[in-house]
Every structure is written in structure tokens, then in C-alpha cells.
Amino acid sequence: MVNAEKIKKDYLQLLQLIEKEVLIDPSVRRYLNYLTKYKDKFIGQDHIPYQLELKEFLRGANRFSDEFTFSDQNTRLIQTLLNRLYEAMGNS
């Protein structure tokens, strides 16, 4: 079963990291805007109806992230969070 609180926490942490990256490189705002498209579905308590949609979104978000250069301090954690969210969507 998908742990809604864990998904919410990871998603919000990802957004915070990307917001920090925008301060370093304003072009990253496009990625932040992309990530916030599904905010309501990620922070809601019931992900089951959206599971496949969110999983596909995360696949796209992972590919889209390749277009940006993130700071050394955040790159690994951004990828880890994207992967954890993707895996969480597949484990329900």
C-alpha cells in the first residue's frame, strides 16, 4: 500500500530543493512549474485513483530533469527523491 504521508513528505522536499535551485539558476523555474502541476494529487491523502497517472508523470519528470544542471549539493538528493516517489507509486 502506498504510504500517503511518505509520498507527501518526499514530494514537498523535492519541491523545496528545486525552489533552492531556482535561486541559483532561474532557468530551473520551468522544472519547478512542471513539478507543481500535480501538487494536489501528491499531497492529497488518496493516491490510488491517480497512481498510474502520477507514475507516468514522475517518469517524465525524471527525463525532464536531465535538461537542467542542479547544484552539486542537491543533484543526488533530487534524483533519489524522484526515484523513491516513482518506486512508491509502483508498490501499491
N, C-alpha and C. Protein backbone atom coordinates (compact mmCIF):
# COMPACT_ATOMS: atom_id res chain seq x y z
N MET A 1 0.83 -1.19 0.00
CA MET A 1 0.00 0.00 0.00
C MET A 1 0.88 1.25 0.00
N VAL A 2 0.48 2.23 -0.73
CA VAL A 2 1.20 3.49 -0.81
C VAL A 2 1.07 4.24 0.51
N ASN A 3 2.18 4.70 1.03
CA ASN A 3 2.18 5.49 2.25
C ASN A 3 2.02 6.95 1.86
N ALA A 4 0.80 7.48 2.03
CA ALA A 4 0.48 8.83 1.57
C ALA A 4 1.34 9.89 2.25
N GLU A 5 1.61 9.74 3.53
CA GLU A 5 2.42 10.73 4.24
C GLU A 5 3.86 10.74 3.75
N LYS A 6 4.40 9.58 3.47
CA LYS A 6 5.77 9.48 2.96
C LYS A 6 5.87 10.12 1.57
N ILE A 7 4.90 9.85 0.74
CA ILE A 7 4.88 10.44 -0.60
C ILE A 7 4.77 11.96 -0.51
N LYS A 8 3.89 12.42 0.34
CA LYS A 8 3.72 13.86 0.52
C LYS A 8 5.02 14.50 1.00
N LYS A 9 5.65 13.89 1.98
CA LYS A 9 6.91 14.41 2.55
C LYS A 9 8.00 14.46 1.48
N ASP A 10 8.17 13.37 0.73
CA ASP A 10 9.20 13.33 -0.31
C ASP A 10 8.92 14.35 -1.41
N TYR A 11 7.66 14.45 -1.81
CA TYR A 11 7.30 15.40 -2.87
C TYR A 11 7.57 16.84 -2.42
N LEU A 12 7.16 17.18 -1.21
CA LEU A 12 7.39 18.54 -0.71
C LEU A 12 8.88 18.83 -0.54
N GLN A 13 9.64 17.83 -0.13
CA GLN A 13 11.09 18.01 -0.03
C GLN A 13 11.70 18.25 -1.41
N LEU A 14 11.21 17.52 -2.40
CA LEU A 14 11.68 17.72 -3.77
C LEU A 14 11.39 19.15 -4.23
N LEU A 15 10.18 19.63 -3.97
CA LEU A 15 9.83 21.00 -4.35
C LEU A 15 10.74 22.01 -3.67
N GLN A 16 11.03 21.80 -2.39
CA GLN A 16 11.90 22.72 -1.67
C GLN A 16 13.30 22.76 -2.28
N LEU A 17 13.81 21.61 -2.64
CA LEU A 17 15.14 21.56 -3.27
C LEU A 17 15.14 22.30 -4.61
N ILE A 18 14.10 22.09 -5.39
CA ILE A 18 14.03 22.74 -6.69
C ILE A 18 13.85 24.25 -6.52
N GLU A 19 13.10 24.67 -5.51
CA GLU A 19 12.97 26.10 -5.23
C GLU A 19 14.33 26.72 -4.90
N LYS A 20 15.15 26.00 -4.16
CA LYS A 20 16.51 26.48 -3.87
C LYS A 20 17.33 26.57 -5.15
N GLU A 21 17.14 25.60 -6.03
CA GLU A 21 17.87 25.60 -7.29
C GLU A 21 17.48 26.79 -8.17
N VAL A 22 16.22 27.20 -8.10
CA VAL A 22 15.76 28.36 -8.87
C VAL A 22 16.52 29.62 -8.45
N LEU A 23 16.85 29.71 -7.16
CA LEU A 23 17.61 30.87 -6.68
C LEU A 23 19.02 30.89 -7.27
N ILE A 24 19.55 29.72 -7.54
CA ILE A 24 20.89 29.60 -8.12
C ILE A 24 20.85 29.80 -9.63
N ASP A 25 19.84 29.18 -10.26
CA ASP A 25 19.71 29.24 -11.72
C ASP A 25 18.23 29.43 -12.06
N PRO A 26 17.82 30.64 -12.42
CA PRO A 26 16.41 30.93 -12.69
C PRO A 26 15.80 30.07 -13.81
N SER A 27 16.60 29.51 -14.69
CA SER A 27 16.03 28.68 -15.76
C SER A 27 15.39 27.41 -15.21
N VAL A 28 15.73 27.04 -13.99
CA VAL A 28 15.16 25.84 -13.36
C VAL A 28 13.69 26.05 -13.01
N ARG A 29 13.21 27.30 -13.07
CA ARG A 29 11.80 27.58 -12.78
C ARG A 29 10.88 26.77 -13.69
N ARG A 30 11.29 26.53 -14.92
CA ARG A 30 10.46 25.70 -15.82
C ARG A 30 10.24 24.32 -15.22
N TYR A 31 11.26 23.78 -14.62
CA TYR A 31 11.14 22.45 -14.00
C TYR A 31 10.25 22.53 -12.76
N LEU A 32 10.42 23.57 -11.97
CA LEU A 32 9.57 23.76 -10.79
C LEU A 32 8.10 23.87 -11.21
N ASN A 33 7.83 24.63 -12.24
CA ASN A 33 6.46 24.76 -12.73
C ASN A 33 5.90 23.42 -13.17
N TYR A 34 6.73 22.63 -13.82
CA TYR A 34 6.32 21.29 -14.25
C TYR A 34 5.98 20.42 -13.05
N LEU A 35 6.83 20.44 -12.04
CA LEU A 35 6.61 19.60 -10.85
C LEU A 35 5.35 19.99 -10.08
N THR A 36 5.00 21.25 -10.09
CA THR A 36 3.84 21.69 -9.31
C THR A 36 2.51 21.39 -10.00
N LYS A 37 2.53 20.95 -11.23
CA LYS A 37 1.28 20.62 -11.95
C LYS A 37 0.43 19.59 -11.20
N TYR A 38 1.08 18.67 -10.53
CA TYR A 38 0.37 17.58 -9.87
C TYR A 38 0.42 17.69 -8.34
N LYS A 39 0.68 18.87 -7.85
CA LYS A 39 0.85 19.06 -6.40
C LYS A 39 -0.35 18.54 -5.61
N ASP A 40 -1.56 18.90 -6.03
CA ASP A 40 -2.75 18.47 -5.29
C ASP A 40 -2.86 16.95 -5.20
N LYS A 41 -2.49 16.28 -6.25
CA LYS A 41 -2.58 14.82 -6.26
C LYS A 41 -1.49 14.18 -5.40
N PHE A 42 -0.34 14.82 -5.31
CA PHE A 42 0.74 14.29 -4.48
C PHE A 42 0.50 14.53 -3.00
N ILE A 43 -0.06 15.67 -2.65
CA ILE A 43 -0.21 15.97 -1.23
C ILE A 43 -1.55 15.52 -0.67
N GLY A 44 -2.45 15.06 -1.54
CA GLY A 44 -3.72 14.52 -1.07
C GLY A 44 -3.53 13.19 -0.37
N GLN A 45 -4.52 12.78 0.37
CA GLN A 45 -4.41 11.55 1.16
C GLN A 45 -4.63 10.27 0.33
N ASP A 46 -5.31 10.38 -0.80
CA ASP A 46 -5.63 9.18 -1.56
C ASP A 46 -4.97 9.23 -2.93
N HIS A 47 -3.88 8.49 -3.09
CA HIS A 47 -3.14 8.47 -4.35
C HIS A 47 -3.62 7.36 -5.29
N ILE A 48 -4.38 6.43 -4.77
CA ILE A 48 -4.76 5.25 -5.55
C ILE A 48 -5.42 5.61 -6.88
N PRO A 49 -6.41 6.53 -6.90
CA PRO A 49 -7.03 6.84 -8.19
C PRO A 49 -6.07 7.44 -9.22
N TYR A 50 -4.98 8.01 -8.75
CA TYR A 50 -4.04 8.71 -9.62
C TYR A 50 -2.71 7.97 -9.77
N GLN A 51 -2.62 6.80 -9.23
CA GLN A 51 -1.34 6.10 -9.16
C GLN A 51 -0.65 5.97 -10.51
N LEU A 52 -1.33 5.48 -11.51
CA LEU A 52 -0.70 5.31 -12.83
C LEU A 52 -0.36 6.65 -13.46
N GLU A 53 -1.24 7.61 -13.30
CA GLU A 53 -1.00 8.96 -13.83
C GLU A 53 0.23 9.59 -13.17
N LEU A 54 0.34 9.45 -11.85
CA LEU A 54 1.47 10.03 -11.13
C LEU A 54 2.77 9.30 -11.47
N LYS A 55 2.68 8.01 -11.65
CA LYS A 55 3.87 7.24 -12.02
C LYS A 55 4.38 7.69 -13.39
N GLU A 56 3.48 7.88 -14.32
CA GLU A 56 3.87 8.36 -15.65
C GLU A 56 4.42 9.78 -15.57
N PHE A 57 3.81 10.61 -14.75
CA PHE A 57 4.29 11.98 -14.54
C PHE A 57 5.72 11.95 -14.00
N LEU A 58 5.99 11.09 -13.03
CA LEU A 58 7.34 11.00 -12.45
C LEU A 58 8.36 10.50 -13.47
N ARG A 59 7.94 9.62 -14.34
CA ARG A 59 8.83 9.16 -15.41
C ARG A 59 9.23 10.35 -16.28
N GLY A 60 8.24 11.17 -16.62
CA GLY A 60 8.51 12.37 -17.42
C GLY A 60 9.35 13.38 -16.66
N ALA A 61 9.07 13.53 -15.37
CA ALA A 61 9.83 14.48 -14.54
C ALA A 61 11.29 14.06 -14.46
N ASN A 62 11.53 12.78 -14.39
CA ASN A 62 12.90 12.28 -14.34
C ASN A 62 13.63 12.60 -15.64
N ARG A 63 12.96 12.36 -16.76
CA ARG A 63 13.57 12.67 -18.07
C ARG A 63 13.78 14.18 -18.22
N PHE A 64 12.78 14.96 -17.83
CA PHE A 64 12.85 16.42 -17.97
C PHE A 64 13.97 16.99 -17.11
N SER A 65 14.26 16.37 -15.98
CA SER A 65 15.31 16.87 -15.09
C SER A 65 16.68 16.84 -15.77
N ASP A 66 16.83 15.96 -16.77
CA ASP A 66 18.10 15.88 -17.49
C ASP A 66 18.43 17.16 -18.26
N GLU A 67 17.42 17.98 -18.50
CA GLU A 67 17.63 19.23 -19.24
C GLU A 67 18.23 20.34 -18.37
N PHE A 68 18.33 20.09 -17.08
CA PHE A 68 18.78 21.12 -16.15
C PHE A 68 20.04 20.68 -15.43
N THR A 69 20.83 21.66 -15.03
CA THR A 69 22.01 21.39 -14.23
C THR A 69 21.73 21.88 -12.82
N PHE A 70 21.73 20.96 -11.89
CA PHE A 70 21.48 21.30 -10.50
C PHE A 70 22.81 21.40 -9.76
N SER A 71 22.78 22.07 -8.63
CA SER A 71 24.00 22.23 -7.84
C SER A 71 24.49 20.87 -7.35
N ASP A 72 25.78 20.78 -7.15
CA ASP A 72 26.38 19.53 -6.68
C ASP A 72 25.76 19.06 -5.37
N GLN A 73 25.43 19.99 -4.50
CA GLN A 73 24.90 19.61 -3.20
C GLN A 73 23.50 19.02 -3.27
N ASN A 74 22.74 19.30 -4.34
CA ASN A 74 21.36 18.83 -4.41
C ASN A 74 21.09 17.78 -5.48
N THR A 75 21.98 17.62 -6.43
CA THR A 75 21.72 16.71 -7.55
C THR A 75 21.36 15.30 -7.10
N ARG A 76 22.16 14.73 -6.24
CA ARG A 76 21.93 13.35 -5.82
C ARG A 76 20.60 13.20 -5.08
N LEU A 77 20.29 14.13 -4.19
CA LEU A 77 19.05 14.04 -3.43
C LEU A 77 17.83 14.24 -4.33
N ILE A 78 17.93 15.12 -5.31
CA ILE A 78 16.82 15.30 -6.26
C ILE A 78 16.54 13.99 -6.97
N GLN A 79 17.57 13.33 -7.47
CA GLN A 79 17.38 12.05 -8.16
C GLN A 79 16.86 10.97 -7.22
N THR A 80 17.36 10.95 -6.00
CA THR A 80 16.90 9.98 -5.01
C THR A 80 15.42 10.16 -4.73
N LEU A 81 15.00 11.39 -4.55
CA LEU A 81 13.58 11.66 -4.26
C LEU A 81 12.70 11.28 -5.44
N LEU A 82 13.11 11.62 -6.65
CA LEU A 82 12.34 11.23 -7.83
C LEU A 82 12.21 9.71 -7.90
N ASN A 83 13.30 9.00 -7.67
CA ASN A 83 13.28 7.54 -7.72
C ASN A 83 12.41 6.95 -6.62
N ARG A 84 12.51 7.50 -5.41
CA ARG A 84 11.70 6.99 -4.29
C ARG A 84 10.21 7.21 -4.56
N LEU A 85 9.87 8.37 -5.09
CA LEU A 85 8.47 8.63 -5.41
C LEU A 85 7.97 7.67 -6.49
N TYR A 86 8.77 7.44 -7.50
CA TYR A 86 8.40 6.52 -8.57
C TYR A 86 8.20 5.11 -8.02
N GLU A 87 9.12 4.67 -7.19
CA GLU A 87 9.00 3.33 -6.60
C GLU A 87 7.78 3.23 -5.70
N ALA A 88 7.49 4.28 -4.95
CA ALA A 88 6.32 4.27 -4.07
C ALA A 88 5.04 4.13 -4.87
N MET A 89 4.98 4.74 -6.03
CA MET A 89 3.79 4.63 -6.88
C MET A 89 3.64 3.22 -7.45
N GLY A 90 4.75 2.53 -7.61
CA GLY A 90 4.70 1.19 -8.17
C GLY A 90 4.48 0.10 -7.14
N ASN A 91 4.55 0.46 -5.86
CA ASN A 91 4.45 -0.54 -4.79
C ASN A 91 3.10 -0.59 -4.12
N SER A 92 2.09 -0.11 -4.77
CA SER A 92 0.77 -0.18 -4.12
C SER A 92 -0.12 -1.17 -4.82
